[in-house]
Protein backbone atom coordinates (compact mmCIF):
# COMPACT_ATOMS: atom_id res chain seq x y z
CA MET A 1 175.00 142.85 128.58
CA ILE A 2 175.78 138.98 128.27
CA HIS A 3 174.20 138.62 131.74
CA CYS A 4 171.07 140.51 130.89
CA ILE A 5 170.65 138.32 127.49
CA GLN A 6 171.05 135.43 129.48
CA GLU A 7 168.28 136.15 132.10
CA TYR A 8 165.98 136.91 129.27
CA LEU A 9 166.81 134.11 127.07
CA PRO A 10 164.48 131.42 128.99
CA PHE A 11 161.69 133.96 128.63
CA ALA A 12 162.22 134.59 125.03
CA GLU A 13 162.23 130.74 124.32
CA SER A 14 159.03 130.37 126.18
CA ILE A 15 157.49 133.07 123.96
CA PHE A 16 158.93 131.30 120.72
CA VAL A 17 157.53 128.09 121.88
CA ILE A 18 154.37 129.50 122.49
CA ILE A 19 154.20 131.40 119.61
CA GLY A 20 154.88 127.98 117.46
CA VAL A 21 152.36 126.25 119.30
CA ALA A 22 149.83 128.77 118.50
CA PHE A 23 151.11 128.52 114.73
CA ILE A 24 150.80 124.90 114.76
CA VAL A 25 147.22 125.04 116.40
CA VAL A 26 146.13 127.71 113.27
CA GLN A 27 147.62 125.36 110.93
CA ILE A 28 145.91 122.51 112.10
CA ARG A 29 142.51 124.14 112.33
CA GLN A 30 142.77 125.61 108.75
CA GLN A 31 143.66 121.83 107.55
CA THR A 32 140.76 120.39 109.47
CA LYS A 33 138.52 123.32 107.77
CA ILE A 34 139.90 122.45 104.39
CA ALA A 35 139.54 118.68 105.07
CA ARG A 36 136.15 119.05 106.26
CA ALA A 37 134.83 121.27 103.18
CA ASP A 38 136.71 118.76 100.64
CA HIS A 39 134.72 116.01 102.62
CA ASP A 40 131.24 117.83 102.34
CA ARG A 41 132.24 118.56 98.61
CA GLN A 42 132.80 114.83 97.83
CA LYS A 43 129.20 114.02 99.79
CA LYS A 44 127.56 116.42 97.68
CA GLN A 45 129.01 115.23 94.65
CA SER A 46 128.50 111.38 95.27
CA THR A 47 124.88 111.96 96.19
CA ILE A 48 124.19 113.78 92.85
CA GLU A 49 126.06 110.84 91.04
CA PHE A 50 124.37 108.03 93.12
CA TYR A 51 121.02 109.60 92.26
CA ASN A 52 121.77 110.38 88.48
CA GLN A 53 122.66 106.80 88.28
CA LEU A 54 119.54 105.45 89.86
CA SER A 55 117.43 107.63 87.82
CA SER A 56 119.03 106.79 84.07
CA GLU A 57 118.68 102.84 85.41
CA SER A 58 115.02 103.41 86.29
CA ILE A 59 113.83 105.67 83.58
CA GLN A 60 112.14 102.60 81.56
CA PHE A 61 110.57 101.39 84.88
CA LEU A 62 109.55 105.10 85.85
CA ASP A 63 107.76 105.36 82.34
CA ASN A 64 105.78 102.26 82.66
CA ILE A 65 104.36 103.07 86.09
CA ILE A 66 103.23 106.67 85.55
CA GLY A 67 99.85 107.03 86.71
CA ARG A 68 99.60 103.49 88.07
CA THR A 69 98.49 102.45 91.73
CA LEU A 70 101.10 99.97 92.80
CA ASP A 71 99.83 97.53 95.32
CA LEU A 72 100.79 93.92 96.26
CA SER A 73 98.47 92.19 94.09
CA SER A 74 98.97 94.20 90.97
CA VAL A 75 102.83 94.26 91.21
CA ASN A 76 102.85 90.09 91.81
CA ALA A 77 100.42 90.02 88.67
CA ASP A 78 103.15 91.03 86.64
CA LYS A 79 106.61 89.32 86.99
CA ALA A 80 108.39 92.13 85.15
CA LEU A 81 106.81 94.90 86.92
CA ARG A 82 107.49 93.18 90.38
CA LYS A 83 111.26 92.66 89.65
CA SER A 84 111.36 96.34 88.54
CA VAL A 85 109.45 97.59 91.45
CA VAL A 86 111.83 95.50 94.03
CA ARG A 87 114.77 96.62 92.01
CA TYR A 88 113.95 100.41 92.21
CA LEU A 89 112.83 100.10 96.08
CA SER A 90 116.12 98.70 96.93
CA ARG A 91 118.06 101.02 95.33
CA LEU A 92 115.99 103.98 97.05
CA GLU A 93 116.57 102.08 100.36
CA ARG A 94 120.26 101.98 99.69
CA LEU A 95 120.21 105.89 98.86
CA SER A 96 118.22 106.36 102.00
CA ILE A 97 120.62 104.43 104.41
CA GLY A 98 123.51 106.24 102.67
CA VAL A 99 121.89 109.51 103.47
CA ALA A 100 120.83 108.14 107.10
CA SER A 101 124.64 107.40 107.95
CA GLU A 102 125.83 110.61 106.14
CA VAL A 103 127.20 109.34 103.49
CA TYR A 104 125.28 110.98 101.01
CA ASP A 105 123.99 114.57 101.62
CA PHE A 106 120.34 115.12 102.78
CA GLU A 107 120.28 118.80 101.63
CA ILE A 108 121.25 118.08 98.26
CA LEU A 109 119.19 115.11 97.60
CA TYR A 110 116.02 117.03 99.10
CA LEU A 111 116.80 120.17 96.73
CA MET A 112 117.29 117.71 93.60
CA SER A 113 114.56 115.41 94.30
CA GLY A 114 112.47 115.87 97.66
CA ARG A 115 108.99 116.27 95.78
CA TYR A 116 109.58 113.67 93.28
CA LEU A 117 111.00 111.30 96.07
CA ILE A 118 107.41 112.05 98.15
CA LYS A 119 105.43 111.27 95.12
CA LYS A 120 107.24 107.90 94.19
CA TYR A 121 106.77 106.79 97.91
CA GLU A 122 102.95 107.61 97.83
CA GLN A 123 102.65 105.74 94.70
CA LEU A 124 104.56 102.91 96.16
CA GLU A 125 103.20 103.02 99.87
CA SER A 126 100.50 100.42 99.64
CA TYR A 127 102.78 97.93 98.02
CA ILE A 128 105.68 98.72 100.77
CA MET A 129 103.05 98.38 103.68
CA GLU A 130 101.15 95.11 102.19
CA SER A 131 104.90 93.54 101.47
CA ARG A 132 105.69 94.21 105.06
CA ASP A 133 102.58 92.59 106.24
CA PHE A 134 103.22 89.76 103.61
CA LYS A 135 106.55 89.07 104.41
CA ASN A 136 106.50 89.99 108.25
CA ALA A 137 109.27 92.22 107.68
CA PRO A 138 108.29 95.61 109.47
CA THR A 139 111.59 97.13 108.44
CA LEU A 140 111.10 96.75 104.78
CA TYR A 141 112.27 99.65 102.88
CA LYS A 142 111.78 101.58 106.23
CA GLU A 143 114.83 103.95 105.55
CA PHE A 144 112.99 105.07 102.55
CA GLU A 145 110.03 105.96 104.49
CA LEU A 146 111.95 107.76 107.07
CA LEU A 147 113.86 109.97 104.60
CA VAL A 148 110.56 110.69 102.85
CA LYS A 149 108.93 111.64 106.29
CA LYS A 150 111.75 114.39 106.74
CA PHE A 151 111.55 115.68 103.48
CA ILE A 152 107.58 115.98 104.24
CA LYS A 153 108.76 117.68 107.48
CA LEU A 154 111.30 120.16 105.93
CA ARG A 155 109.02 121.13 103.41
CA LYS A 156 106.17 122.00 105.58
CA THR A 157 108.44 124.03 108.16
CA HIS A 158 110.39 125.50 105.38
CA PRO A 159 108.59 125.60 101.87
CA ASP A 160 110.72 128.17 100.10
CA HIS A 161 114.00 126.56 101.08
CA THR A 162 116.39 126.43 98.18
CA VAL A 163 120.35 126.55 97.88
CA ASN A 164 120.26 130.34 98.32
CA LYS A 165 117.77 130.39 101.06
CA LYS A 166 118.84 127.84 103.31
CA ALA A 167 117.00 126.48 106.25
CA ILE A 168 118.88 124.97 108.98
CA VAL A 169 118.67 121.22 107.51
CA ARG A 170 119.78 118.97 110.39
CA GLN A 171 118.51 115.55 110.67
CA PRO A 172 117.06 114.43 113.93
């Protein structure tokens, strides 16, 4: 009997090692999944927080530009307006860079304010393009422009995209 146990002991040890390794692999996968979900939640939350902060800080400026065409000459004619436009676009560029680098969540931003940001870009497009030429800075506010183009593309391909009706949203 002891001889039989001794023969099967290495086999049993190997089985327990394999089971232990499998258990560890399962635990690592579960912890990775939990960490990824937490990271995604934090990314979404920080996107909402940054955008809300941007909106609240810019409300006076946005009220002042409703219905106005903003080109380089009209913005430069008003020092306060110029300061507000540059500050607002700089914040939108920072937000866009955050989305492009996946610090902020593309889909959440799109769902929260995609249409709005498209409209703001259209309103500021003349100013942006003329500023690029004037300053000889072809990448000025470029990330904001690229983000808006992605929003427009998503709206065309998935016009009814909502939180509950998800499109496959992958940034190129």
